[in-house]
Protein backbone atom coordinates (compact mmCIF):
# COMPACT_ATOMS: atom_id res chain seq x y z
CA UNK A 1 31.94 47.55 238.69
CA UNK A 2 28.78 45.41 239.29
CA UNK A 3 29.09 42.04 241.01
CA UNK A 4 28.16 38.76 239.39
CA UNK A 5 24.93 37.39 240.85
CA UNK A 6 23.82 33.86 241.59
CA UNK A 7 21.35 32.23 243.92
CA UNK A 8 23.79 30.13 245.99
CA UNK A 9 27.55 30.29 246.51
CA UNK A 10 29.11 27.11 247.88
CA UNK A 11 32.59 27.63 249.36
CA UNK A 12 34.77 24.56 248.97
CA UNK A 13 34.85 21.73 246.42
CA UNK A 14 35.72 18.78 248.59
CA UNK A 15 33.25 16.02 249.39
CA UNK A 16 30.83 18.50 251.01
CA UNK A 17 30.86 20.99 248.15
CA UNK A 18 30.42 18.33 245.46
CA UNK A 19 27.51 16.75 247.36
CA UNK A 20 25.93 20.17 247.86
CA UNK A 21 26.15 20.91 244.16
CA UNK A 22 24.44 17.64 243.24
CA UNK A 23 21.43 18.35 245.44
CA UNK A 24 21.14 22.01 244.45
CA UNK A 25 21.26 20.92 240.82
CA UNK A 26 18.52 18.38 241.43
CA UNK A 27 16.34 21.25 242.68
CA UNK A 28 17.25 23.36 239.66
CA UNK A 29 18.75 26.03 241.92
CA UNK A 30 21.39 28.25 240.22
CA UNK A 31 24.66 28.07 242.12
CA UNK A 32 28.44 28.35 241.89
CA UNK A 33 31.02 26.30 243.81
CA UNK A 34 34.26 28.15 244.58
CA UNK A 35 37.47 26.24 245.33
CA UNK A 36 40.80 27.89 246.06
CA UNK A 37 42.83 24.99 244.65
CA UNK A 38 41.61 21.82 242.90
CA UNK A 39 38.64 19.56 243.58
CA UNK A 40 39.34 17.49 246.73
CA UNK A 41 42.69 19.23 247.14
CA UNK A 42 43.27 18.15 250.72
CA UNK A 43 43.19 14.50 249.65
CA UNK A 44 45.88 15.30 247.10
CA UNK A 45 48.37 17.56 248.87
CA UNK A 46 47.67 17.47 252.62
CA UNK A 47 47.91 13.72 253.29
CA UNK A 48 50.80 11.27 253.32
CA UNK A 49 51.68 9.29 250.21
CA UNK A 50 50.48 5.85 251.33
CA UNK A 51 47.17 7.01 252.84
CA UNK A 52 44.06 5.02 251.97
CA UNK A 53 40.45 5.61 253.00
CA UNK A 54 39.59 4.23 256.43
CA UNK A 55 36.35 2.70 255.12
CA UNK A 56 35.91 0.13 252.33
CA UNK A 57 34.95 1.25 248.84
CA UNK A 58 31.36 -0.02 249.12
CA UNK A 59 30.84 2.29 252.09
CA UNK A 60 32.99 5.41 251.68
CA UNK A 61 31.31 6.79 248.56
CA UNK A 62 28.25 8.67 247.33
CA UNK A 63 25.15 6.66 246.31
CA UNK A 64 25.33 7.61 242.65
CA UNK A 65 28.78 6.31 241.73
CA UNK A 66 31.01 3.37 242.63
CA UNK A 67 34.81 3.45 242.63
CA UNK A 68 35.81 2.28 239.15
CA UNK A 69 37.99 -0.82 239.07
CA UNK A 70 38.04 -1.21 242.85
CA UNK A 71 36.71 -4.26 244.70
CA UNK A 72 33.90 -3.36 247.13
CA UNK A 73 35.93 -4.38 250.20
CA UNK A 74 39.13 -2.66 249.05
CA UNK A 75 40.35 0.65 250.45
CA UNK A 76 40.77 3.50 247.97
CA UNK A 77 44.09 5.33 247.83
CA UNK A 78 44.08 9.08 248.36
CA UNK A 79 44.57 9.62 244.61
CA UNK A 80 41.60 7.37 243.85
CA UNK A 81 39.45 9.30 246.32
CA UNK A 82 40.41 12.65 244.76
CA UNK A 83 39.73 11.39 241.24
CA UNK A 84 36.43 9.94 242.42
CA UNK A 85 35.22 13.40 243.41
CA UNK A 86 36.44 14.86 240.13
CA UNK A 87 34.45 12.19 238.27
CA UNK A 88 31.42 12.77 240.47
CA UNK A 89 31.55 16.52 239.87
CA UNK A 90 31.57 15.84 236.14
CA UNK A 91 28.71 13.36 236.51
CA UNK A 92 26.44 15.92 238.20
CA UNK A 93 27.73 18.83 236.06
CA UNK A 94 28.79 20.73 239.16
CA UNK A 95 29.56 24.39 238.29
CA UNK A 96 32.91 24.45 240.10
CA UNK A 97 35.42 27.27 239.67
CA UNK A 98 38.89 26.25 240.79
CA UNK A 99 41.65 28.67 241.71
CA UNK A 100 39.24 31.11 243.34
CA UNK A 101 40.00 32.06 246.94
CA UNK A 102 37.08 33.42 248.97
CA UNK A 103 38.43 36.28 251.09
CA UNK A 104 35.25 37.48 252.80
CA UNK A 105 31.51 36.96 253.07
CA UNK A 106 29.36 39.79 254.46
CA UNK A 107 25.67 40.57 254.72
CA UNK A 108 24.38 42.87 252.02
CA UNK A 109 23.16 46.21 253.36
CA UNK A 110 19.43 46.85 253.12
CA UNK A 111 18.50 43.65 251.29
CA UNK A 112 18.71 39.88 251.76
CA UNK A 113 21.78 37.88 250.86
CA UNK A 114 25.54 38.22 250.95
CA UNK A 115 28.44 39.86 249.16
CA UNK A 116 31.15 37.29 248.48
CA UNK A 117 34.60 38.77 247.84
CA UNK A 118 37.10 36.55 246.07
CA UNK A 119 40.52 36.66 244.48
CA UNK A 120 38.71 36.87 241.11
CA UNK A 121 36.17 39.56 241.94
CA UNK A 122 32.92 39.71 243.88
CA UNK A 123 29.61 37.87 243.74
CA UNK A 124 26.20 38.56 245.23
CA UNK A 125 24.27 35.53 246.46
CA UNK A 126 21.01 35.03 248.31
CA UNK A 127 22.44 31.96 250.08
CA UNK A 128 25.96 30.87 251.08
CA UNK A 129 27.04 27.35 252.08
CA UNK A 130 30.34 27.04 253.98
CA UNK A 131 31.45 23.59 252.81
CA UNK A 132 35.09 23.81 253.85
CA UNK A 133 34.80 20.97 256.36
CA UNK A 134 36.56 20.41 259.70
CA UNK A 135 40.18 19.95 258.52
CA UNK A 136 41.11 23.57 257.87
CA UNK A 137 43.93 24.55 260.24
CA UNK A 138 46.48 22.00 261.52
CA UNK A 139 46.82 22.09 265.30
CA UNK A 140 50.24 21.65 266.94
CA UNK A 141 50.16 22.08 270.73
CA UNK A 142 52.73 24.67 271.90
CA UNK A 143 54.79 22.16 273.89
CA UNK A 144 58.16 21.72 272.19
CA UNK A 145 59.83 25.02 271.16
CA UNK A 146 61.20 25.56 267.69
CA UNK A 147 64.78 24.34 267.40
CA UNK A 148 64.50 21.72 270.14
CA UNK A 149 64.60 19.07 267.40
CA UNK A 150 65.57 19.52 263.75
CA UNK A 151 62.06 18.82 262.38
CA UNK A 152 58.58 19.31 263.79
CA UNK A 153 55.70 18.81 261.35
CA UNK A 154 51.99 18.21 261.50
CA UNK A 155 50.63 14.97 260.05
CA UNK A 156 49.14 17.02 257.18
CA UNK A 157 52.72 17.91 256.18
CA UNK A 158 54.10 14.38 256.45
CA UNK A 159 54.55 12.50 253.16
CA UNK A 160 56.90 9.52 253.64
CA UNK A 161 59.83 8.31 255.78
CA UNK A 162 62.41 9.62 253.32
CA UNK A 163 61.16 13.15 253.99
CA UNK A 164 62.52 13.07 257.56
CA UNK A 165 66.18 13.20 258.62
CA UNK A 166 67.86 10.08 259.93
CA UNK A 167 67.16 9.39 263.59
CA UNK A 168 64.41 8.56 266.05
CA UNK A 169 60.89 9.84 265.42
CA UNK A 170 58.28 10.71 268.02
CA UNK A 171 54.70 10.55 266.74
CA UNK A 172 52.22 12.39 268.96
CA UNK A 173 48.62 11.24 268.68
CA UNK A 174 47.27 7.72 268.39
CA UNK A 175 44.23 8.16 266.20
CA UNK A 176 44.09 6.69 262.72
CA UNK A 177 46.71 9.09 261.32
CA UNK A 178 49.21 8.73 264.14
CA UNK A 179 48.99 4.94 264.26
CA UNK A 180 49.42 4.53 260.51
CA UNK A 181 52.32 7.00 260.31
CA UNK A 182 54.10 5.41 263.28
CA UNK A 183 53.71 1.95 261.75
CA UNK A 184 55.00 3.13 258.38
CA UNK A 185 58.03 4.82 259.95
CA UNK A 186 58.85 1.74 262.00
CA UNK A 187 58.56 -0.51 258.94
CA UNK A 188 61.06 1.77 257.17
CA UNK A 189 63.63 0.92 259.84
CA UNK A 190 63.25 3.91 262.16
CA UNK A 191 63.12 3.84 265.92
CA UNK A 192 59.66 5.19 266.74
CA UNK A 193 57.93 6.35 269.89
CA UNK A 194 54.16 6.79 269.82
CA UNK A 195 52.40 9.06 272.31
CA UNK A 196 49.01 7.51 273.11
CA UNK A 197 46.08 9.43 274.57
CA UNK A 198 42.44 8.40 275.14
CA UNK A 199 40.96 6.66 272.10
CA UNK A 200 38.46 4.23 270.62
CA UNK A 201 39.78 1.28 268.64
CA UNK A 202 36.95 -0.58 266.93
CA UNK A 203 37.67 -3.86 265.15
CA UNK A 204 38.45 -3.51 261.47
CA UNK A 205 36.15 -6.44 260.89
CA UNK A 206 34.33 -8.87 263.15
CA UNK A 207 32.28 -11.99 262.42
CA UNK A 208 32.72 -11.49 258.69
CA UNK A 209 31.60 -7.85 258.47
CA UNK A 210 33.57 -4.59 258.38
CA UNK A 211 33.04 -2.32 261.37
CA UNK A 212 31.43 0.28 259.05
CA UNK A 213 28.66 -2.27 258.40
CA UNK A 214 28.23 -2.93 262.10
CA UNK A 215 28.11 0.79 262.85
CA UNK A 216 25.28 1.02 260.34
CA UNK A 217 23.09 -1.89 261.43
CA UNK A 218 23.59 -1.01 265.09
CA UNK A 219 22.39 2.54 264.40
CA UNK A 220 25.62 4.11 265.68
CA UNK A 221 26.25 6.19 262.56
CA UNK A 222 22.82 7.77 263.06
CA UNK A 223 23.37 8.77 266.68
CA UNK A 224 22.38 12.44 266.85
CA UNK A 225 24.08 13.40 270.11
CA UNK A 226 27.66 12.49 271.04
CA UNK A 227 28.20 10.76 274.38
CA UNK A 228 29.33 13.04 277.19
CA UNK A 229 32.89 14.15 276.46
CA UNK A 230 33.04 12.27 273.14
CA UNK A 231 32.36 15.13 270.75
CA UNK A 232 35.89 14.78 269.34
CA UNK A 233 36.70 11.18 270.15
CA UNK A 234 39.95 9.84 268.70
CA UNK A 235 39.31 6.70 266.64
CA UNK A 236 42.16 4.34 265.79
CA UNK A 237 41.24 2.31 262.71
CA UNK A 238 43.22 1.49 259.59
CA UNK A 239 42.64 0.51 255.99
CA UNK A 240 46.39 0.26 255.35
CA UNK A 241 47.75 -2.96 253.83
CA UNK A 242 44.24 -4.23 253.15
CA UNK A 243 42.85 -3.19 256.51
CA UNK A 244 43.51 -4.48 260.02
CA UNK A 245 42.41 -3.94 263.60
CA UNK A 246 44.65 -1.51 265.45
CA UNK A 247 46.14 -3.19 268.51
CA UNK A 248 48.70 -1.16 270.44
CA UNK A 249 50.13 -4.38 271.93
CA UNK A 250 50.95 -5.58 268.44
CA UNK A 251 52.62 -2.27 267.64
CA UNK A 252 54.69 -2.54 270.80
CA UNK A 253 55.62 -6.15 270.03
CA UNK A 254 57.00 -5.06 266.66
CA UNK A 255 59.23 -2.48 268.33
CA UNK A 256 57.23 0.75 268.52
CA UNK A 257 57.64 2.21 272.02
CA UNK A 258 54.40 3.47 273.51
CA UNK A 259 54.37 6.46 275.86
CA UNK A 260 51.59 8.42 277.52
CA UNK A 261 50.11 11.74 276.60
CA UNK A 262 52.79 14.32 275.72
CA UNK A 263 52.52 16.80 278.59
CA UNK A 264 55.39 19.29 278.81
CA UNK A 265 58.95 20.16 277.84
CA UNK A 266 61.80 21.81 279.71
CA UNK A 267 65.57 21.92 279.40
CA UNK A 268 65.73 19.32 276.65
CA UNK A 269 63.47 16.86 278.45
CA UNK A 270 60.02 15.88 277.19
CA UNK A 271 57.61 14.73 279.89
CA UNK A 272 54.75 12.25 279.43
CA UNK A 273 51.65 11.86 281.56
CA UNK A 274 51.45 8.64 283.64
CA UNK A 275 48.26 7.65 281.82
CA UNK A 276 49.43 5.14 279.21
CA UNK A 277 48.09 2.02 280.95
CA UNK A 278 44.75 3.75 281.64
CA UNK A 279 44.43 4.89 278.03
CA UNK A 280 45.18 1.41 276.72
CA UNK A 281 42.73 -0.15 279.19
CA UNK A 282 39.96 2.28 278.25
CA UNK A 283 40.48 1.55 274.54
CA UNK A 284 40.38 -2.18 275.29
CA UNK A 285 37.15 -1.80 277.28
CA UNK A 286 35.44 0.05 274.42
CA UNK A 287 36.74 -2.53 271.94
CA UNK A 288 35.32 -5.45 273.95
CA UNK A 289 32.05 -3.61 274.55
CA UNK A 290 31.65 -3.21 270.79
CA UNK A 291 32.24 -6.94 270.26
CA UNK A 292 29.66 -7.84 272.91
CA UNK A 293 27.13 -5.47 271.35
CA UNK A 294 27.66 -7.16 267.99
CA UNK A 295 27.31 -10.62 269.52
CA UNK A 296 24.02 -9.64 271.14
CA UNK A 297 22.72 -8.27 267.82
CA UNK A 298 23.70 -11.47 265.99
CA UNK A 299 21.93 -13.66 268.55
CA UNK A 300 18.86 -11.42 268.75
CA UNK A 301 18.40 -11.44 264.98
CA UNK A 302 19.44 -15.03 264.32
CA UNK A 303 22.24 -14.10 261.87
CA UNK A 304 24.35 -16.93 260.50
CA UNK A 305 27.75 -15.31 261.05
CA UNK A 306 30.84 -17.15 262.33
CA UNK A 307 31.82 -16.67 265.95
CA UNK A 308 35.25 -15.18 266.76
CA UNK A 309 36.08 -15.98 270.37
CA UNK A 310 39.76 -15.17 269.81
CA UNK A 311 38.84 -11.54 269.15
CA UNK A 312 37.84 -11.21 272.82
CA UNK A 313 41.24 -12.37 274.07
CA UNK A 314 43.73 -9.61 274.82
CA UNK A 315 47.42 -10.35 275.13
CA UNK A 316 49.58 -9.27 278.07
CA UNK A 317 50.54 -5.63 278.38
CA UNK A 318 54.03 -4.96 277.00
CA UNK A 319 56.80 -3.65 279.24
CA UNK A 320 56.42 -0.11 277.89
CA UNK A 321 52.86 -0.12 279.29
CA UNK A 322 53.52 -1.77 282.65
CA UNK A 323 56.68 0.32 283.22
CA UNK A 324 56.02 3.43 281.15
CA UNK A 325 58.62 5.99 280.24
CA UNK A 326 57.69 9.32 281.85
CA UNK A 327 60.40 11.51 280.34
CA UNK A 328 62.65 11.56 277.32
CA UNK A 329 65.93 13.35 276.70
CA UNK A 330 65.32 14.29 273.06
CA UNK A 331 68.98 14.73 272.16
CA UNK A 332 70.12 11.69 274.15
CA UNK A 333 67.48 9.52 272.46
CA UNK A 334 68.51 10.79 269.03
CA UNK A 335 65.08 12.25 268.30
CA UNK A 336 65.39 14.27 265.10
CA UNK A 337 61.71 14.52 264.16
CA UNK A 338 58.36 14.98 265.85
CA UNK A 339 55.20 14.29 263.84
CA UNK A 340 52.16 15.88 265.45
CA UNK A 341 49.07 13.86 264.56
CA UNK A 342 47.01 16.15 266.76
CA UNK A 343 44.09 17.08 264.56
CA UNK A 344 42.72 20.24 263.05
CA UNK A 345 40.68 23.31 263.90
CA UNK A 346 38.17 25.13 261.76
CA UNK A 347 39.04 28.52 260.28
CA UNK A 348 36.18 30.81 259.34
CA UNK A 349 38.15 34.05 259.34
CA UNK A 350 36.70 34.82 255.91
CA UNK A 351 33.12 34.57 257.19
CA UNK A 352 32.31 38.04 258.53
CA UNK A 353 28.79 37.34 259.80
CA UNK A 354 27.18 36.84 263.19
CA UNK A 355 26.85 33.07 263.00
CA UNK A 356 29.05 31.78 265.82
CA UNK A 357 28.54 31.00 269.49
CA UNK A 358 30.57 32.40 272.38
CA UNK A 359 33.24 29.73 271.82
CA UNK A 360 33.61 30.61 268.15
CA UNK A 361 31.83 27.50 266.88
CA UNK A 362 29.21 27.68 264.12
CA UNK A 363 25.80 28.28 265.66
CA UNK A 364 23.74 25.89 263.56
CA UNK A 365 21.23 23.05 263.64
CA UNK A 366 21.67 20.36 261.00
CA UNK A 367 23.70 22.88 258.99
CA UNK A 368 21.11 25.65 259.13
CA UNK A 369 22.83 28.69 260.62
CA UNK A 370 21.34 31.19 263.04
CA UNK A 371 22.12 33.74 260.30
CA UNK A 372 19.30 33.39 257.72
CA UNK A 373 20.65 32.32 254.36
CA UNK A 374 23.94 30.93 255.68
CA UNK A 375 24.62 27.19 255.98
CA UNK A 376 27.43 24.92 257.20
CA UNK A 377 28.26 21.50 255.80
CA UNK A 378 30.80 18.73 256.47
CA UNK A 379 31.30 19.30 260.19
CA UNK A 380 31.42 16.47 262.76
CA UNK A 381 28.05 15.74 264.36
CA UNK A 382 26.30 18.21 262.04
CA UNK A 383 23.22 16.00 262.17
CA UNK A 384 24.60 12.63 263.26
CA UNK A 385 27.81 10.76 264.00
CA UNK A 386 28.38 10.03 260.32
CA UNK A 387 28.12 13.67 259.20
CA UNK A 388 31.81 14.27 258.53
CA UNK A 389 32.25 11.03 256.56
CA UNK A 390 31.90 10.79 252.79
CA UNK A 391 28.52 9.07 252.73
CA UNK A 392 27.22 11.09 255.68
CA UNK A 393 27.92 14.49 254.16
CA UNK A 394 25.90 13.51 251.08
CA UNK A 395 22.76 13.04 253.19
CA UNK A 396 23.36 16.26 255.13
CA UNK A 397 23.75 18.14 251.84
CA UNK A 398 20.36 16.88 250.72
CA UNK A 399 18.76 18.28 253.88
CA UNK A 400 20.45 21.66 253.42
CA UNK A 401 19.45 21.81 249.75
CA UNK A 402 15.83 21.02 250.69
CA UNK A 403 15.92 23.83 253.24
CA UNK A 404 17.23 26.29 250.66
CA UNK A 405 14.54 25.20 248.19
CA UNK A 406 11.86 25.80 250.82
CA UNK A 407 13.22 29.24 251.64
CA UNK A 408 13.29 30.15 247.95
CA UNK A 409 9.61 29.27 247.82
CA UNK A 410 8.83 31.74 250.58
CA UNK A 411 10.92 34.45 248.95
CA UNK A 412 9.11 33.91 245.64
CA UNK A 413 5.77 34.73 247.24
CA UNK A 414 4.70 38.17 245.96
CA UNK A 415 1.57 39.84 247.23
CA UNK A 416 1.24 41.82 244.01
CA UNK A 417 0.49 38.56 242.23
CA UNK A 418 -2.45 37.85 244.52
CA UNK A 419 -6.01 39.06 243.79
CA UNK A 420 -7.14 41.89 246.06
CA UNK A 421 -10.01 40.77 248.33
CA UNK A 422 -13.35 42.46 247.70
CA UNK A 423 -14.66 44.74 250.44
């Protein structure tokens, strides 16, 4: 049975796939977007109920459409974000096929392009864009064995406090997800411990501007190379309850117990690294450095923005930081749940092509793979710091679409259409 043919197959209909479709459409390039579930499915079913975007609505969107009925400085709920991408896909007439699972992509033998096998049959395409993004496989470190506590779940499986059994909850990971989940659980009346590792904690807003704005005018979003060791930096920022600066001292003052990095487990005891004070201090140092950088920019450019000296003042370290807990008897402390807010790994098991480095990472530059005709989109630091964010992936998609258009031009060149030179 012959395969369906198209010029480009885009795998994934999240923010990367929708952006890719817009730019391919602008070039008039025939393409199909394949999505195993619904458009922006991870926003719908792999995030907790109260999640909102970490950036304000004026920033975390594509250029061609605003969030309907949402104030520019408000933070969109996860349902609003998902519906935004549905509306955007309709706006650009994206040819998305939902409910189609891509099972393999292989090079075609003896000719350019790829054979794409799916749950609904096969397709042949000259180009393939892997737009599945970085949040593909939840990562839970193999520290606490199954059965040691009644419930262990990844943050992608957490929905709300009522989902968990009564008792104390340990949240592991102090990035945006871990901080927001720990705060929500504590506000529901639970005893909560939060395991804090190295992190950045930028101000939610400073001198009358959201940190997303400052990241833009300071050129930080456009940084093309991550600082040494900061390729996967943990950022603690929150849009919850209208947005606020994450301060671990404030969390501790409200009753959340902070502990260090979760290190090991044996005989019912969970052990924490003695690094809590150092992690808090490092986050504070980066926070204050950001404020000073902003202050220097304001002075250098003569901006009329109000000063905020109080933002530079840090309160005293709480007792849980100065005298940190180094071990925890899970049963004795009544811990019934552990929520692992420990990030994700990519999963390209369906991509059967030679396009990965020795560590299994996509071998690409600005999304252009080492395998001709194959592209990646939506990954952190694909071209710049902002690449994995909503607005950033839109610009990366434009670059990839331009590259595909250029390659199509080369492939369209046919010597038989050229006049034969005279002897």
